[in-house]
Amino acid sequence: MANRTAVIQTNKGTIKFELLEQDAPKTTENFRLLAEKGYYD
C-alpha cells in the first residue's frame, strides 16, 4: 500500500511529506482527520 503525501502551503514555501501509515497509524490518522477539518488552515 502506498503512503499518503501531505502538502502544507506557507508564506515561506511548500512543505511536502509522506505519512508513514504502517509505522505510525494513529498519528497519521489523527493528522489526516485534523487536516480534513481545517485545523491546520
PDB file of N, CA and C in Angstrom:
ATOM      1  N   MET A   1       0.842  -1.168   0.000  1.00  0.00           N
ATOM      2  CA  MET A   1       0.000   0.000   0.000  1.00  0.00           C
ATOM      3  C   MET A   1       0.893   1.240   0.000  1.00  0.00           C
ATOM      4  N   ALA A   2       0.574   2.196  -0.838  1.00  0.00           N
ATOM      5  CA  ALA A   2       1.334   3.440  -0.912  1.00  0.00           C
ATOM      6  C   ALA A   2       0.919   4.368   0.221  1.00  0.00           C
ATOM      7  N   ASN A   3       1.901   5.067   0.761  1.00  0.00           N
ATOM      8  CA  ASN A   3       1.623   6.045   1.807  1.00  0.00           C
ATOM      9  C   ASN A   3       1.050   7.315   1.204  1.00  0.00           C
ATOM     10  N   ARG A   4       0.280   8.026   1.996  1.00  0.00           N
ATOM     11  CA  ARG A   4      -0.269   9.312   1.567  1.00  0.00           C
ATOM     12  C   ARG A   4       0.803  10.379   1.706  1.00  0.00           C
ATOM     13  N   THR A   5       0.646  11.428   0.925  1.00  0.00           N
ATOM     14  CA  THR A   5       1.542  12.573   0.997  1.00  0.00           C
ATOM     15  C   THR A   5       0.739  13.779   1.449  1.00  0.00           C
ATOM     16  N   ALA A   6       1.280  14.505   2.419  1.00  0.00           N
ATOM     17  CA  ALA A   6       0.645  15.739   2.884  1.00  0.00           C
ATOM     18  C   ALA A   6       1.397  16.916   2.288  1.00  0.00           C
ATOM     19  N   VAL A   7       0.652  17.955   1.943  1.00  0.00           N
ATOM     20  CA  VAL A   7       1.244  19.173   1.388  1.00  0.00           C
ATOM     21  C   VAL A   7       0.729  20.345   2.206  1.00  0.00           C
ATOM     22  N   ILE A   8       1.649  21.133   2.736  1.00  0.00           N
ATOM     23  CA  ILE A   8       1.297  22.321   3.502  1.00  0.00           C
ATOM     24  C   ILE A   8       1.864  23.530   2.781  1.00  0.00           C
ATOM     25  N   GLN A   9       0.986  24.483   2.496  1.00  0.00           N
ATOM     26  CA  GLN A   9       1.393  25.728   1.844  1.00  0.00           C
ATOM     27  C   GLN A   9       1.596  26.787   2.923  1.00  0.00           C
ATOM     28  N   THR A  10       2.766  27.436   2.930  1.00  0.00           N
ATOM     29  CA  THR A  10       3.025  28.533   3.859  1.00  0.00           C
ATOM     30  C   THR A  10       3.480  29.753   3.071  1.00  0.00           C
ATOM     31  N   ASN A  11       3.591  30.875   3.744  1.00  0.00           N
ATOM     32  CA  ASN A  11       4.087  32.069   3.062  1.00  0.00           C
ATOM     33  C   ASN A  11       5.589  31.984   2.786  1.00  0.00           C
ATOM     34  N   LYS A  12       6.247  30.979   3.322  1.00  0.00           N
ATOM     35  CA  LYS A  12       7.676  30.750   3.079  1.00  0.00           C
ATOM     36  C   LYS A  12       7.922  29.649   2.049  1.00  0.00           C
ATOM     37  N   GLY A  13       6.854  29.013   1.569  1.00  0.00           N
ATOM     38  CA  GLY A  13       7.000  27.957   0.573  1.00  0.00           C
ATOM     39  C   GLY A  13       6.117  26.759   0.877  1.00  0.00           C
ATOM     40  N   THR A  14       6.335  25.706   0.117  1.00  0.00           N
ATOM     41  CA  THR A  14       5.544  24.485   0.217  1.00  0.00           C
ATOM     42  C   THR A  14       6.330  23.412   0.959  1.00  0.00           C
ATOM     43  N   ILE A  15       5.651  22.711   1.853  1.00  0.00           N
ATOM     44  CA  ILE A  15       6.241  21.592   2.582  1.00  0.00           C
ATOM     45  C   ILE A  15       5.481  20.342   2.164  1.00  0.00           C
ATOM     46  N   LYS A  16       6.197  19.332   1.703  1.00  0.00           N
ATOM     47  CA  LYS A  16       5.590  18.052   1.335  1.00  0.00           C
ATOM     48  C   LYS A  16       6.222  16.966   2.194  1.00  0.00           C
ATOM     49  N   PHE A  17       5.386  16.091   2.728  1.00  0.00           N
ATOM     50  CA  PHE A  17       5.933  14.976   3.482  1.00  0.00           C
ATOM     51  C   PHE A  17       5.043  13.757   3.356  1.00  0.00           C
ATOM     52  N   GLU A  18       5.658  12.619   3.542  1.00  0.00           N
ATOM     53  CA  GLU A  18       4.979  11.339   3.413  1.00  0.00           C
ATOM     54  C   GLU A  18       4.468  10.897   4.779  1.00  0.00           C
ATOM     55  N   LEU A  19       3.228  10.460   4.833  1.00  0.00           N
ATOM     56  CA  LEU A  19       2.649   9.938   6.065  1.00  0.00           C
ATOM     57  C   LEU A  19       2.892   8.429   6.103  1.00  0.00           C
ATOM     58  N   LEU A  20       3.686   7.992   7.045  1.00  0.00           N
ATOM     59  CA  LEU A  20       4.068   6.581   7.142  1.00  0.00           C
ATOM     60  C   LEU A  20       3.018   5.815   7.947  1.00  0.00           C
ATOM     61  N   GLU A  21       1.971   5.431   7.252  1.00  0.00           N
ATOM     62  CA  GLU A  21       0.813   4.824   7.904  1.00  0.00           C
ATOM     63  C   GLU A  21       1.121   3.488   8.573  1.00  0.00           C
ATOM     64  N   GLN A  22       2.023   2.710   8.017  1.00  0.00           N
ATOM     65  CA  GLN A  22       2.352   1.425   8.632  1.00  0.00           C
ATOM     66  C   GLN A  22       3.184   1.608   9.897  1.00  0.00           C
ATOM     67  N   ASP A  23       3.994   2.647   9.946  1.00  0.00           N
ATOM     68  CA  ASP A  23       4.850   2.890  11.105  1.00  0.00           C
ATOM     69  C   ASP A  23       4.133   3.638  12.224  1.00  0.00           C
ATOM     70  N   ALA A  24       3.202   4.513  11.870  1.00  0.00           N
ATOM     71  CA  ALA A  24       2.508   5.337  12.864  1.00  0.00           C
ATOM     72  C   ALA A  24       1.040   5.509  12.472  1.00  0.00           C
ATOM     73  N   PRO A  25       0.264   4.444  12.534  1.00  0.00           N
ATOM     74  CA  PRO A  25      -1.116   4.510  12.044  1.00  0.00           C
ATOM     75  C   PRO A  25      -2.000   5.507  12.797  1.00  0.00           C
ATOM     76  N   LYS A  26      -1.891   5.569  14.098  1.00  0.00           N
ATOM     77  CA  LYS A  26      -2.733   6.501  14.869  1.00  0.00           C
ATOM     78  C   LYS A  26      -2.345   7.949  14.594  1.00  0.00           C
ATOM     79  N   THR A  27      -1.058   8.223  14.544  1.00  0.00           N
ATOM     80  CA  THR A  27      -0.582   9.584  14.288  1.00  0.00           C
ATOM     81  C   THR A  27      -1.009  10.065  12.916  1.00  0.00           C
ATOM     82  N   THR A  28      -0.849   9.223  11.904  1.00  0.00           N
ATOM     83  CA  THR A  28      -1.224   9.642  10.558  1.00  0.00           C
ATOM     84  C   THR A  28      -2.736   9.801  10.429  1.00  0.00           C
ATOM     85  N   GLU A  29      -3.496   8.957  11.091  1.00  0.00           N
ATOM     86  CA  GLU A  29      -4.954   9.082  11.059  1.00  0.00           C
ATOM     87  C   GLU A  29      -5.393  10.372  11.749  1.00  0.00           C
ATOM     88  N   ASN A  30      -4.812  10.668  12.901  1.00  0.00           N
ATOM     89  CA  ASN A  30      -5.147  11.908  13.606  1.00  0.00           C
ATOM     90  C   ASN A  30      -4.786  13.125  12.765  1.00  0.00           C
ATOM     91  N   PHE A  31      -3.614  13.105  12.135  1.00  0.00           N
ATOM     92  CA  PHE A  31      -3.200  14.221  11.286  1.00  0.00           C
ATOM     93  C   PHE A  31      -4.183  14.402  10.133  1.00  0.00           C
ATOM     94  N   ARG A  32      -4.539  13.314   9.482  1.00  0.00           N
ATOM     95  CA  ARG A  32      -5.465  13.372   8.346  1.00  0.00           C
ATOM     96  C   ARG A  32      -6.820  13.939   8.761  1.00  0.00           C
ATOM     97  N   LEU A  33      -7.358  13.460   9.872  1.00  0.00           N
ATOM     98  CA  LEU A  33      -8.665  13.939  10.331  1.00  0.00           C
ATOM     99  C   LEU A  33      -8.627  15.426  10.674  1.00  0.00           C
ATOM    100  N   LEU A  34      -7.585  15.860  11.359  1.00  0.00           N
ATOM    101  CA  LEU A  34      -7.456  17.281  11.694  1.00  0.00           C
ATOM    102  C   LEU A  34      -7.311  18.130  10.438  1.00  0.00           C
ATOM    103  N   ALA A  35      -6.537  17.649   9.477  1.00  0.00           N
ATOM    104  CA  ALA A  35      -6.352  18.394   8.225  1.00  0.00           C
ATOM    105  C   ALA A  35      -7.675  18.519   7.473  1.00  0.00           C
ATOM    106  N   GLU A  36      -8.449  17.447   7.430  1.00  0.00           N
ATOM    107  CA  GLU A  36      -9.744  17.482   6.739  1.00  0.00           C
ATOM    108  C   GLU A  36     -10.723  18.444   7.411  1.00  0.00           C
ATOM    109  N   LYS A  37     -10.586  18.623   8.729  1.00  0.00           N
ATOM    110  CA  LYS A  37     -11.456  19.544   9.465  1.00  0.00           C
ATOM    111  C   LYS A  37     -10.967  20.988   9.393  1.00  0.00           C
ATOM    112  N   GLY A  38      -9.813  21.220   8.758  1.00  0.00           N
ATOM    113  CA  GLY A  38      -9.291  22.577   8.618  1.00  0.00           C
ATOM    114  C   GLY A  38      -8.464  23.060   9.794  1.00  0.00           C
ATOM    115  N   TYR A  39      -8.067  22.162  10.661  1.00  0.00           N
ATOM    116  CA  TYR A  39      -7.304  22.533  11.856  1.00  0.00           C
ATOM    117  C   TYR A  39      -6.011  23.273  11.524  1.00  0.00           C
ATOM    118  N   TYR A  40      -5.362  22.907  10.446  1.00  0.00           N
ATOM    119  CA  TYR A  40      -4.069  23.493  10.085  1.00  0.00           C
ATOM    120  C   TYR A  40      -4.192  24.701   9.160  1.00  0.00           C
ATOM    121  N   ASP A  41      -5.407  25.122   8.852  1.00  0.00           N
ATOM    122  CA  ASP A  41      -5.605  26.279   7.964  1.00  0.00           C
ATOM    123  C   ASP A  41      -5.313  27.581   8.686  1.00  0.00           C
TER     124      ASP A  41
END
